Amino acid sequence: MNILFIMYDQLRFDYLSCAGHPVLKTPNFDRVAAMGVRFTQAHVQSPVCGSSRMSFYTGRYASSHGAQWNGYPLRVGEMTMGDHLRALGMGCYLIGKTHMVADAEGMARLGLAADTVIGARQSECGFDAVVRDDGLWGEGPDGFYDRKRSPYNEYLKEKGYPSDNPWQDFANAGISGDDIASGWFFRNADKPANVREEDSETPWLTDRALDFLKTADGPWCAHLSYIKPHWPYIVPAPYHDMFGPGDVPPAVRSEEERRDPHPVYAAYMGNRIGQSFSRDEVREKVIPAYMGLIRQCDDQLGRILDHLEETGQMESTMIVLTSDHGDYLGDHWLGEKDLFHQQSVKIPLIVHDPRAEADATRGTTCDALVEAIDLAATFVEVAGGAVPEHIIEGRSLLPFLRGEVPEAWREVVISEYDYSVTPMRDVLGLSSRDARLFMVFDGRWKLIHAEGGFRPMLFDLKTDPEEFHDLGAEETYAAVVERLYGHLHAWGLRMSQRVTRSEGDLEKMRGRAARVGILPFLYDGSEVPEALTVKYRGKAGADFTKG
């Protein structure tokens, strides 16, 4: 059994035709959904790229692994799915993006060199990298945003694109007259990117994945991690004009949201991103391009599915399609991700298990509350292992794929967000320790706790599915708030750092001291079984008490 774990960056859960999008057709996503289970209540552990991905890769909450925002290193020694799977005889490979920052200080302290096998895996989030490209090769007055070498940029140079940074000058830019029309500027989102479609990022990464599939020896887990449909929102022909302003759905937002909003929410509505996406002309430019990027992703997924079918690998490959977070696209007067409305924290998750045990659930949906960390647990079980519950905090989804209901499934999902390095912290006048948010969602009620002395936010998705009405200040709902805070309190008390001893280890340790002769606090030995004191009884070999 192999695992093809495909992630799309910033793909909204509802921008798939199988999820009900009224215009956008995604026949290949739908094709996988028809072969497997689409989870309708999957949520990330943090609505920002780096932190979310580290939770996927470790199977742990953000406050457990500690990499709580982009640029926070994943500490050296943190167990990842690659570590778990290799111990079970399954290789774990990366093709694309991780957004992981290596713990260089920790590696240096332990003498780990990046050019060794162990050091390379520590630097690549536990993966063996076939090719890594995080896909943001912006360049400004102080140089590159990402100072690593870009394999994609090198590919474009080999293809003849005349630039030191063809990612920026061609793949993510159009043309206006004789000038570059940068994809960084929303006004250019309706222009075709100045790159041959087959040379653009998504086909390039698909080619790398197909190369891997043609030569890989199993069992393997391959993480194919696409860079798109993340911004810059610009896409090559013919995808650039497949959709237009008439295909843009109305923004899900209400004037009520801007009347006396929660201070944290107000800070985000007032930032540059929120201000931009509140403009209709921005949405009318960006969303058709975003849809074109998704349609290109779908077509490239079709190439992979066709290859798996043609080579007979479909019958031995689990396929997982998901995203690291969503995209507001102007809903709730916001852009990007960062907060906990469904557009941001909820993700698509489709799982195809080719084994006969999953036949009964093919083409179905599952409404159970699912967390991103559940995939690490699922993959361990697929590889034939027992989930190490003292390390991996998620739970396996395999029972749902078999049509079973797991015992005592979770009552709530939890997500966290640390915004201590953002301008919103300054707007709110907070210390870095207080610039933190927590979400607790039970499938109906969503509580958002904001550190720093703020009141909670509360939404009832049964009566208010659009999340327009914040009920957190209303005394009527005090009991609901208290109940959800109870869940957050219980979660906060979880055992998350005892990662070097499993429950089995603890059982073995109980009583071991006595079995190896450590017997303090006894009066005459009769307090314990005779077998434990046998070494301390018998005739003395000699008497040295008298000198």
Protein backbone atom coordinates (compact mmCIF):
# COMPACT_ATOMS: atom_id res chain seq x y z
CA MET A 1 0.00 0.00 0.00
CA ASN A 2 1.34 3.44 -0.99
CA ILE A 3 0.08 6.90 -0.04
CA LEU A 4 -0.15 9.89 -2.37
CA PHE A 5 -0.69 12.85 -0.05
CA ILE A 6 -1.57 15.88 -2.21
CA MET A 7 -1.86 19.35 -0.70
CA TYR A 8 -2.95 22.52 -2.49
CA ASP A 9 -1.90 25.81 -0.96
CA GLN A 10 -4.78 28.09 0.07
CA LEU A 11 -7.55 26.05 -1.59
CA ARG A 12 -10.98 26.85 -0.15
CA PHE A 13 -13.19 23.93 0.83
CA ASP A 14 -16.14 25.20 -1.25
CA TYR A 15 -14.26 25.93 -4.49
CA LEU A 16 -14.81 22.40 -5.85
CA SER A 17 -17.80 21.25 -7.84
CA CYS A 18 -18.20 18.18 -5.59
CA ALA A 19 -18.54 20.63 -2.68
CA GLY A 20 -21.25 22.58 -4.49
CA HIS A 21 -19.50 25.47 -6.25
CA PRO A 22 -22.10 26.88 -8.66
CA VAL A 23 -19.71 27.63 -11.56
CA LEU A 24 -16.29 26.06 -11.13
CA LYS A 25 -16.06 22.49 -12.44
CA THR A 26 -13.40 20.21 -10.96
CA PRO A 27 -14.00 16.81 -12.59
CA ASN A 28 -10.83 15.21 -11.26
CA PHE A 29 -11.37 16.24 -7.66
CA ASP A 30 -14.89 14.90 -8.17
CA ARG A 31 -13.38 11.72 -9.60
CA VAL A 32 -11.46 11.06 -6.39
CA ALA A 33 -14.51 11.96 -4.29
CA ALA A 34 -16.52 9.36 -6.24
CA MET A 35 -13.88 6.74 -5.37
CA GLY A 36 -13.60 7.66 -1.71
CA VAL A 37 -14.96 9.76 1.15
CA ARG A 38 -15.25 13.55 1.24
CA PHE A 39 -14.98 14.86 4.79
CA THR A 40 -17.21 17.92 5.16
CA GLN A 41 -16.02 19.10 8.59
CA ALA A 42 -12.22 19.05 8.32
CA HIS A 43 -10.34 21.86 10.06
CA VAL A 44 -6.73 22.98 10.31
CA GLN A 45 -4.90 23.42 13.61
CA SER A 46 -3.80 26.93 12.67
CA PRO A 47 -5.05 29.12 9.79
CA VAL A 48 -1.61 30.15 8.52
CA CYS A 49 0.69 28.23 6.16
CA GLY A 50 3.72 27.27 8.24
CA SER A 51 2.00 26.44 11.49
CA SER A 52 -0.76 24.48 9.78
CA ARG A 53 1.69 22.41 7.79
CA MET A 54 3.79 21.59 10.83
CA SER A 55 0.64 20.21 12.45
CA PHE A 56 -0.09 18.07 9.38
CA TYR A 57 3.48 16.78 9.33
CA THR A 58 3.82 16.06 13.06
CA GLY A 59 0.25 15.07 13.90
CA ARG A 60 0.42 17.56 16.78
CA TYR A 61 -1.27 20.80 17.77
CA ALA A 62 0.57 24.06 17.15
CA SER A 63 1.21 24.66 20.85
CA SER A 64 2.67 21.15 21.06
CA HIS A 65 5.19 21.42 18.21
CA GLY A 66 5.82 25.13 18.82
CA ALA A 67 6.13 26.36 15.20
CA GLN A 68 3.19 28.70 15.57
CA TRP A 69 3.70 31.06 12.64
CA ASN A 70 5.56 31.30 9.34
CA GLY A 71 9.29 31.41 9.94
CA TYR A 72 9.17 29.69 13.33
CA PRO A 73 11.60 26.74 13.14
CA LEU A 74 10.33 23.26 13.86
CA ARG A 75 12.56 22.28 16.77
CA VAL A 76 15.20 19.67 16.12
CA GLY A 77 14.10 16.20 17.14
CA GLU A 78 10.36 16.81 16.73
CA MET A 79 8.89 13.55 15.41
CA THR A 80 7.29 13.81 11.97
CA MET A 81 5.21 11.48 9.85
CA GLY A 82 8.40 10.62 7.97
CA ASP A 83 10.03 9.38 11.17
CA HIS A 84 6.98 7.31 12.09
CA LEU A 85 6.55 5.82 8.62
CA ARG A 86 10.21 4.95 8.01
CA ALA A 87 10.21 3.02 11.30
CA LEU A 88 7.39 0.95 9.77
CA GLY A 89 9.26 0.32 6.52
CA MET A 90 7.56 3.02 4.43
CA GLY A 91 9.60 5.71 2.67
CA CYS A 92 8.38 9.31 2.97
CA TYR A 93 9.14 11.75 0.15
CA LEU A 94 8.54 15.42 -0.62
CA ILE A 95 7.67 16.88 -4.00
CA GLY A 96 6.98 20.60 -3.64
CA LYS A 97 6.36 22.90 -0.69
CA THR A 98 6.58 22.53 3.09
CA HIS A 99 7.10 26.11 4.31
CA MET A 100 9.28 24.51 7.00
CA VAL A 101 12.15 26.41 8.60
CA ALA A 102 14.91 24.22 9.98
CA ASP A 103 16.09 24.61 13.56
CA ALA A 104 19.63 25.59 12.56
CA GLU A 105 20.67 26.47 16.11
CA GLY A 106 19.41 23.14 17.44
CA MET A 107 21.15 21.23 14.66
CA ALA A 108 24.43 23.04 15.34
CA ARG A 109 24.13 22.34 19.06
CA LEU A 110 23.80 18.62 18.33
CA GLY A 111 26.42 18.58 15.59
CA LEU A 112 23.97 17.69 12.81
CA ALA A 113 25.15 18.69 9.35
CA ALA A 114 22.51 19.41 6.70
CA ASP A 115 24.45 17.36 4.11
CA THR A 116 24.01 14.12 6.08
CA VAL A 117 20.97 11.87 5.80
CA ILE A 118 19.79 12.66 9.32
CA GLY A 119 20.59 16.36 8.95
CA ALA A 120 18.78 16.57 5.63
CA ARG A 121 15.67 15.00 7.11
CA GLN A 122 15.81 17.41 10.06
CA SER A 123 16.05 20.25 7.54
CA GLU A 124 13.17 18.97 5.41
CA CYS A 125 10.53 18.27 8.04
CA GLY A 126 11.27 14.56 8.11
CA PHE A 127 10.92 14.03 4.36
CA ASP A 128 13.40 12.75 1.83
CA ALA A 129 13.16 15.61 -0.65
CA VAL A 130 12.75 14.63 -4.30
CA VAL A 131 12.40 18.34 -5.03
CA ARG A 132 11.53 21.17 -2.67
CA ASP A 133 10.27 24.54 -3.82
CA ASP A 134 8.25 26.74 -1.49
CA GLY A 135 7.13 28.92 -4.36
CA LEU A 136 7.57 32.48 -3.12
CA TRP A 137 10.63 33.90 -4.83
CA GLY A 138 9.84 37.57 -4.37
CA GLU A 139 12.74 39.99 -4.64
CA GLY A 140 13.01 43.51 -3.25
CA PRO A 141 15.59 46.15 -2.32
CA ASP A 142 17.06 43.87 0.35
CA GLY A 143 17.22 40.80 -1.86
CA PHE A 144 15.15 37.64 -2.01
CA TYR A 145 12.34 36.74 0.39
CA ASP A 146 13.59 33.15 0.32
CA ARG A 147 17.35 32.89 0.02
CA LYS A 148 17.39 29.22 -0.88
CA ARG A 149 17.91 28.11 -4.46
CA SER A 150 14.67 27.68 -6.39
CA PRO A 151 14.60 24.52 -8.53
CA TYR A 152 11.67 26.01 -10.43
CA ASN A 153 13.60 29.18 -11.25
CA GLU A 154 16.50 27.04 -12.49
CA TYR A 155 14.07 25.06 -14.65
CA LEU A 156 12.71 28.26 -16.22
CA LYS A 157 16.24 29.48 -16.95
CA GLU A 158 17.00 26.19 -18.70
CA LYS A 159 13.83 26.68 -20.74
CA GLY A 160 15.14 30.02 -21.98
CA TYR A 161 13.28 32.58 -19.88
CA PRO A 162 15.72 35.51 -19.78
CA SER A 163 15.82 36.60 -16.15
CA ASP A 164 17.70 36.02 -12.92
CA ASN A 165 14.27 35.51 -11.33
CA PRO A 166 11.89 34.17 -13.99
CA TRP A 167 9.41 33.13 -11.30
CA GLN A 168 8.82 36.81 -10.64
CA ASP A 169 9.30 38.22 -14.14
CA PHE A 170 7.46 35.57 -16.17
CA ALA A 171 5.59 32.84 -14.28
CA ASN A 172 3.90 35.35 -11.96
CA ALA A 173 3.67 38.36 -14.25
CA GLY A 174 1.83 39.29 -17.41
CA ILE A 175 2.60 41.93 -20.03
CA SER A 176 1.23 45.44 -20.39
CA GLY A 177 2.47 46.92 -23.64
CA ASP A 178 6.21 46.33 -23.45
CA ASP A 179 6.27 46.30 -19.64
CA ILE A 180 6.04 43.65 -16.98
CA ALA A 181 2.57 43.49 -15.39
CA SER A 182 3.40 42.00 -12.02
CA GLY A 183 1.08 39.46 -10.46
CA TRP A 184 1.66 41.21 -7.14
CA PHE A 185 -0.74 43.91 -8.34
CA PHE A 186 -4.37 42.84 -8.30
CA ARG A 187 -5.17 44.95 -11.36
CA ASN A 188 -3.12 42.48 -13.45
CA ALA A 189 -4.88 39.32 -12.23
CA ASP A 190 -6.97 39.04 -15.40
CA LYS A 191 -3.90 39.02 -17.68
CA PRO A 192 -2.34 35.74 -18.82
CA ALA A 193 0.91 34.96 -17.04
CA ASN A 194 3.84 35.40 -19.42
CA VAL A 195 4.84 31.75 -19.34
CA ARG A 196 4.01 28.76 -21.49
CA GLU A 197 1.28 26.82 -19.70
CA GLU A 198 3.33 23.63 -19.65
CA ASP A 199 6.17 25.55 -17.97
CA SER A 200 4.04 27.09 -15.21
CA GLU A 201 4.37 25.98 -11.60
CA THR A 202 1.56 23.44 -11.38
CA PRO A 203 2.48 21.41 -14.51
CA TRP A 204 6.17 21.61 -13.56
CA LEU A 205 5.46 20.05 -10.17
CA THR A 206 3.16 17.45 -11.75
CA ASP A 207 6.02 16.44 -14.06
CA ARG A 208 8.28 15.95 -11.03
CA ALA A 209 5.59 13.81 -9.39
CA LEU A 210 5.17 11.66 -12.51
CA ASP A 211 8.93 11.17 -12.66
CA PHE A 212 8.80 9.92 -9.07
CA LEU A 213 5.85 7.59 -9.70
CA LYS A 214 7.63 5.99 -12.65
CA THR A 215 10.64 4.95 -10.57
CA ALA A 216 9.50 4.72 -6.93
CA ASP A 217 9.86 1.48 -5.02
CA GLY A 218 7.20 0.95 -2.41
CA PRO A 219 5.89 1.08 0.08
CA TRP A 220 6.05 4.88 -0.02
CA CYS A 221 4.25 8.00 1.10
CA ALA A 222 4.74 10.84 -1.38
CA HIS A 223 3.75 14.34 -0.30
CA LEU A 224 2.96 16.22 -3.50
CA SER A 225 2.57 19.77 -2.25
CA TYR A 226 1.44 22.27 -4.86
CA ILE A 227 2.27 25.98 -4.66
CA LYS A 228 -1.07 27.10 -6.11
CA PRO A 229 -3.78 28.42 -5.96
CA HIS A 230 -1.94 30.61 -3.42
CA TRP A 231 -1.26 34.17 -4.52
CA PRO A 232 0.10 35.84 -6.64
CA TYR A 233 -3.28 35.45 -8.33
CA ILE A 234 -2.23 35.16 -11.96
CA VAL A 235 -2.52 32.14 -14.24
CA PRO A 236 -1.34 31.34 -17.80
CA ALA A 237 -3.56 30.99 -20.84
CA PRO A 238 -5.97 29.39 -21.45
CA TYR A 239 -6.94 29.49 -17.76
CA HIS A 240 -6.73 33.27 -17.39
CA ASP A 241 -10.07 33.97 -19.07
CA MET A 242 -12.07 30.81 -18.39
CA PHE A 243 -13.95 32.81 -15.78
CA GLY A 244 -14.95 36.44 -15.51
CA PRO A 245 -16.61 38.94 -13.17
CA GLY A 246 -19.99 37.38 -13.92
CA ASP A 247 -18.78 34.13 -12.35
CA VAL A 248 -17.79 35.76 -9.06
CA PRO A 249 -20.23 34.79 -6.30
CA PRO A 250 -21.57 37.55 -4.08
CA ALA A 251 -19.39 38.29 -1.11
CA VAL A 252 -20.51 36.61 2.11
CA ARG A 253 -20.46 39.66 4.35
CA SER A 254 -22.81 41.94 6.23
CA GLU A 255 -22.76 45.54 7.34
CA GLU A 256 -23.66 44.26 10.80
CA GLU A 257 -20.17 42.77 11.05
CA ARG A 258 -18.71 46.27 10.92
CA ARG A 259 -20.95 47.68 13.67
CA ASP A 260 -19.09 47.47 16.98
CA PRO A 261 -16.97 44.44 16.02
CA HIS A 262 -14.72 42.53 18.37
CA PRO A 263 -11.40 44.46 18.56
CA VAL A 264 -9.33 41.64 17.04
CA TYR A 265 -11.79 41.21 14.18
CA ALA A 266 -11.85 44.98 13.65
CA ALA A 267 -8.05 45.05 13.44
CA TYR A 268 -8.06 42.47 10.67
CA MET A 269 -10.89 44.14 8.75
CA GLY A 270 -8.89 47.34 8.90
CA ASN A 271 -5.57 45.96 7.67
CA ARG A 272 -4.37 46.36 4.10
CA ILE A 273 -5.55 42.90 3.10
CA GLY A 274 -9.06 43.44 4.39
CA GLN A 275 -9.27 46.89 2.85
CA SER A 276 -8.19 45.53 -0.55
CA PHE A 277 -10.59 42.60 -0.61
CA SER A 278 -13.49 44.78 0.49
CA ARG A 279 -13.29 46.43 -2.95
CA ASP A 280 -15.50 44.82 -5.60
CA GLU A 281 -13.00 45.58 -8.37
CA VAL A 282 -10.39 43.53 -6.51
CA ARG A 283 -12.71 40.53 -6.12
CA GLU A 284 -13.74 40.77 -9.78
CA LYS A 285 -10.09 40.56 -10.83
CA VAL A 286 -8.77 38.08 -8.29
CA ILE A 287 -11.49 35.46 -7.99
CA PRO A 288 -11.64 34.54 -11.71
CA ALA A 289 -7.86 34.08 -11.61
CA TYR A 290 -8.16 32.01 -8.42
CA MET A 291 -10.74 29.83 -10.14
CA GLY A 292 -8.46 29.47 -13.16
CA LEU A 293 -5.61 28.35 -10.91
CA ILE A 294 -7.89 25.72 -9.37
CA ARG A 295 -9.04 24.53 -12.77
CA GLN A 296 -5.40 24.12 -13.79
CA CYS A 297 -4.76 22.17 -10.58
CA ASP A 298 -7.69 19.92 -11.44
CA ASP A 299 -6.40 19.25 -14.95
CA GLN A 300 -2.97 18.36 -13.58
CA LEU A 301 -4.56 16.05 -11.01
CA GLY A 302 -6.17 14.32 -13.97
CA ARG A 303 -2.72 13.58 -15.44
CA ILE A 304 -1.70 11.90 -12.19
CA LEU A 305 -4.90 9.87 -11.89
CA ASP A 306 -4.60 8.73 -15.50
CA HIS A 307 -1.02 7.59 -14.88
CA LEU A 308 -2.01 5.64 -11.76
CA GLU A 309 -4.79 3.90 -13.68
CA GLU A 310 -2.67 3.18 -16.76
CA THR A 311 0.13 1.65 -14.67
CA GLY A 312 -2.12 -0.32 -12.32
CA GLN A 313 -0.97 1.70 -9.29
CA MET A 314 -4.45 2.99 -8.48
CA GLU A 315 -5.27 -0.33 -6.85
CA SER A 316 -2.42 0.00 -4.36
CA THR A 317 -2.38 3.75 -3.69
CA MET A 318 -4.32 5.71 -1.11
CA ILE A 319 -4.99 9.23 -2.43
CA VAL A 320 -5.51 12.18 -0.10
CA LEU A 321 -6.49 15.64 -1.39
CA THR A 322 -6.46 18.57 1.01
CA SER A 323 -5.24 22.11 1.70
CA ASP A 324 -3.30 23.89 4.44
CA HIS A 325 -6.07 26.53 4.94
CA GLY A 326 -8.63 28.48 2.95
CA ASP A 327 -8.91 31.99 1.49
CA TYR A 328 -11.42 34.66 2.52
CA LEU A 329 -11.54 36.28 -0.97
CA GLY A 330 -13.43 39.25 0.46
CA ASP A 331 -15.92 37.33 2.59
CA HIS A 332 -16.41 38.89 6.04
CA TRP A 333 -14.56 41.99 4.76
CA LEU A 334 -11.32 39.99 4.85
CA GLY A 335 -8.72 38.55 2.52
CA GLU A 336 -6.15 35.79 2.93
CA LYS A 337 -6.70 33.50 5.96
CA ASP A 338 -5.66 34.08 9.63
CA LEU A 339 -9.00 34.05 11.48
CA PHE A 340 -11.53 31.29 12.17
CA HIS A 341 -14.48 31.78 9.85
CA GLN A 342 -15.21 28.66 7.82
CA GLN A 343 -13.67 30.21 4.70
CA SER A 344 -10.30 30.20 6.47
CA VAL A 345 -10.16 27.34 8.99
CA LYS A 346 -12.19 24.69 7.16
CA ILE A 347 -10.47 22.72 4.39
CA PRO A 348 -11.29 20.25 1.66
CA LEU A 349 -10.39 16.66 2.55
CA ILE A 350 -11.00 13.76 0.19
CA VAL A 351 -9.58 10.29 0.87
CA HIS A 352 -9.57 7.34 -1.51
CA ASP A 353 -8.66 3.98 0.03
CA PRO A 354 -8.46 1.33 -2.71
CA ARG A 355 -8.85 -1.64 -0.37
CA ALA A 356 -12.00 -3.73 -0.30
CA GLU A 357 -12.76 -2.70 3.27
CA ALA A 358 -13.58 0.78 1.97
CA ASP A 359 -15.96 -0.32 -0.80
CA ALA A 360 -19.09 0.49 1.18
CA THR A 361 -18.20 4.19 1.58
CA ARG A 362 -17.17 5.06 -1.95
CA GLY A 363 -18.74 8.28 -3.17
CA THR A 364 -20.02 9.25 0.27
CA THR A 365 -19.50 12.18 2.61
CA CYS A 366 -18.64 12.14 6.31
CA ASP A 367 -19.73 14.92 8.67
CA ALA A 368 -17.56 13.92 11.64
CA LEU A 369 -15.40 16.62 13.22
CA VAL A 370 -11.99 16.04 11.69
CA GLU A 371 -8.65 17.74 12.34
CA ALA A 372 -5.63 18.01 10.08
CA ILE A 373 -3.56 16.09 12.62
CA ASP A 374 -5.70 13.02 11.93
CA LEU A 375 -3.84 12.34 8.69
CA ALA A 376 -0.56 11.47 10.45
CA ALA A 377 -2.42 8.93 12.58
CA THR A 378 -4.20 7.56 9.51
CA PHE A 379 -0.95 7.10 7.60
CA VAL A 380 0.67 5.23 10.50
CA GLU A 381 -2.22 2.76 10.49
CA VAL A 382 -2.05 2.39 6.71
CA ALA A 383 1.65 1.52 7.09
CA GLY A 384 0.69 -1.23 9.52
CA GLY A 385 1.63 0.48 12.77
CA ALA A 386 -0.13 1.36 15.99
CA VAL A 387 -0.61 5.09 16.46
CA PRO A 388 1.80 6.37 19.15
CA GLU A 389 -0.80 8.34 21.06
CA HIS A 390 1.75 9.92 23.38
CA ILE A 391 3.23 11.70 20.33
CA ILE A 392 0.58 11.92 17.60
CA GLU A 393 -2.43 13.83 18.91
CA GLY A 394 -4.71 13.07 15.96
CA ARG A 395 -6.83 9.97 15.43
CA SER A 396 -6.98 7.61 12.48
CA LEU A 397 -9.72 8.16 9.91
CA LEU A 398 -9.66 4.55 8.71
CA PRO A 399 -12.82 3.56 10.63
CA PHE A 400 -14.81 6.21 8.77
CA LEU A 401 -13.47 4.91 5.45
CA ARG A 402 -14.78 1.47 6.41
CA GLY A 403 -18.20 2.78 7.39
CA GLU A 404 -17.54 2.38 11.10
CA VAL A 405 -18.08 4.90 13.89
CA PRO A 406 -14.99 5.15 16.11
CA GLU A 407 -15.54 4.87 19.82
CA ALA A 408 -15.73 8.19 21.70
CA TRP A 409 -14.90 10.39 18.72
CA ARG A 410 -14.01 14.00 19.53
CA GLU A 411 -16.73 16.46 20.54
CA VAL A 412 -14.89 19.58 19.37
CA VAL A 413 -12.13 20.69 17.03
CA ILE A 414 -9.42 23.09 18.18
CA SER A 415 -7.44 25.63 16.19
CA GLU A 416 -4.87 28.20 17.34
CA TYR A 417 -3.41 31.37 15.89
CA ASP A 418 -0.36 33.30 17.10
CA TYR A 419 -0.30 36.76 15.51
CA SER A 420 2.52 38.18 17.63
CA VAL A 421 4.67 39.17 14.63
CA THR A 422 1.86 40.89 12.71
CA PRO A 423 0.90 44.59 12.63
CA MET A 424 -2.42 43.70 14.28
CA ARG A 425 -0.60 43.11 17.54
CA ASP A 426 0.58 46.73 17.46
CA VAL A 427 -2.88 48.01 16.55
CA LEU A 428 -4.27 46.24 19.60
CA GLY A 429 -1.40 47.26 21.87
CA LEU A 430 -0.64 43.68 22.97
CA SER A 431 2.46 41.92 24.19
CA SER A 432 3.67 39.00 22.11
CA ARG A 433 2.39 36.57 24.75
CA ASP A 434 -1.14 37.96 24.49
CA ALA A 435 -1.38 38.06 20.69
CA ARG A 436 -2.98 34.62 20.52
CA LEU A 437 -6.36 33.23 19.52
CA PHE A 438 -8.01 29.84 20.14
CA MET A 439 -11.04 28.35 18.42
CA VAL A 440 -13.32 25.67 19.85
CA PHE A 441 -16.02 24.36 17.48
CA ASP A 442 -18.52 21.60 18.26
CA GLY A 443 -20.19 21.46 14.85
CA ARG A 444 -22.76 24.11 15.75
CA TRP A 445 -21.28 26.59 18.22
CA LYS A 446 -17.94 28.24 17.56
CA LEU A 447 -16.13 29.97 20.43
CA ILE A 448 -13.06 32.13 19.79
CA HIS A 449 -10.96 33.04 22.81
CA ALA A 450 -8.63 36.03 22.48
CA GLU A 451 -5.85 36.48 25.02
CA GLY A 452 -5.24 40.02 26.28
CA GLY A 453 -8.38 40.59 28.33
CA PHE A 454 -10.88 40.57 25.44
CA ARG A 455 -14.34 39.05 25.60
CA PRO A 456 -14.87 35.85 23.60
CA MET A 457 -16.51 35.69 20.20
CA LEU A 458 -19.36 33.22 19.69
CA PHE A 459 -21.23 32.10 16.57
CA ASP A 460 -24.19 29.75 16.15
CA LEU A 461 -23.73 28.11 12.76
CA LYS A 462 -27.15 26.46 12.95
CA THR A 463 -29.11 29.71 12.95
CA ASP A 464 -26.34 31.84 11.44
CA PRO A 465 -24.35 29.68 8.99
CA GLU A 466 -22.74 32.77 7.45
CA GLU A 467 -21.23 33.71 10.87
CA PHE A 468 -22.49 37.29 10.74
CA HIS A 469 -23.75 37.63 14.32
CA ASP A 470 -21.21 37.59 17.13
CA LEU A 471 -23.09 36.49 20.28
CA GLY A 472 -20.09 36.53 22.59
CA ALA A 473 -21.18 39.61 24.53
CA GLU A 474 -24.76 38.42 25.15
CA GLU A 475 -25.53 37.05 28.61
CA THR A 476 -28.20 34.79 27.07
CA TYR A 477 -25.46 32.50 25.79
CA ALA A 478 -23.32 32.41 28.93
CA ALA A 479 -23.96 28.69 29.44
CA VAL A 480 -22.82 27.89 25.90
CA VAL A 481 -19.67 29.97 26.39
CA GLU A 482 -18.96 28.25 29.70
CA ARG A 483 -19.40 24.78 28.16
CA LEU A 484 -17.04 25.52 25.28
CA TYR A 485 -14.51 27.05 27.64
CA GLY A 486 -14.70 23.75 29.51
CA HIS A 487 -13.59 21.96 26.35
CA LEU A 488 -10.77 24.46 25.86
CA HIS A 489 -9.71 23.98 29.48
CA ALA A 490 -9.65 20.19 29.10
CA TRP A 491 -7.65 20.50 25.91
CA GLY A 492 -5.21 22.85 27.64
CA LEU A 493 -4.62 20.19 30.31
CA ARG A 494 -3.84 17.46 27.78
CA MET A 495 -0.63 15.49 28.14
CA SER A 496 1.28 16.78 25.12
CA GLN A 497 4.98 16.77 26.02
CA ARG A 498 5.55 13.30 27.49
CA VAL A 499 6.70 12.13 24.09
CA THR A 500 9.53 9.80 25.20
CA ARG A 501 7.29 7.39 27.13
CA SER A 502 4.20 5.65 25.78
CA GLU A 503 1.41 4.25 27.92
CA GLY A 504 2.95 0.82 27.38
CA ASP A 505 6.30 2.11 28.60
CA LEU A 506 4.66 3.51 31.72
CA GLU A 507 3.04 0.18 32.50
CA LYS A 508 6.41 -1.55 32.20
CA MET A 509 7.97 1.03 34.49
CA ARG A 510 5.39 0.53 37.23
CA GLY A 511 6.89 -1.72 39.87
CA ARG A 512 10.19 -2.13 38.00
CA ALA A 513 12.23 -0.54 40.82
CA ALA A 514 11.08 -3.22 43.23
CA ARG A 515 11.88 -5.96 40.72
CA VAL A 516 15.46 -4.72 40.54
CA GLY A 517 15.96 -4.43 44.28
CA ILE A 518 14.96 -0.86 45.15
CA LEU A 519 12.80 -1.41 48.27
CA PRO A 520 12.66 1.73 50.41
CA PHE A 521 10.19 2.50 53.20
CA LEU A 522 9.75 -1.10 54.45
CA TYR A 523 9.72 -2.11 58.10
CA ASP A 524 10.50 -5.82 57.87
CA GLY A 525 9.85 -6.78 54.23
CA SER A 526 6.52 -8.40 54.89
CA GLU A 527 4.82 -5.49 53.15
CA VAL A 528 5.82 -6.82 49.70
CA PRO A 529 5.80 -10.25 48.03
CA GLU A 530 8.53 -12.53 49.34
CA ALA A 531 10.06 -12.88 45.87
CA LEU A 532 11.08 -9.22 45.92
CA THR A 533 13.13 -9.61 49.09
CA VAL A 534 14.79 -12.95 48.37
CA LYS A 535 18.13 -11.25 47.57
CA TYR A 536 18.06 -9.56 50.96
CA ARG A 537 17.55 -12.68 53.10
CA GLY A 538 19.77 -15.59 54.06
CA LYS A 539 22.91 -16.25 56.11
CA ALA A 540 25.55 -13.53 56.33
CA GLY A 541 28.79 -14.45 54.60
CA ALA A 542 30.94 -12.99 57.38
CA ASP A 543 30.77 -10.63 60.37
CA PHE A 544 32.82 -7.43 60.06
CA THR A 545 30.86 -5.41 62.64
CA LYS A 546 33.49 -6.01 65.33
CA GLY A 547 36.41 -4.84 63.17
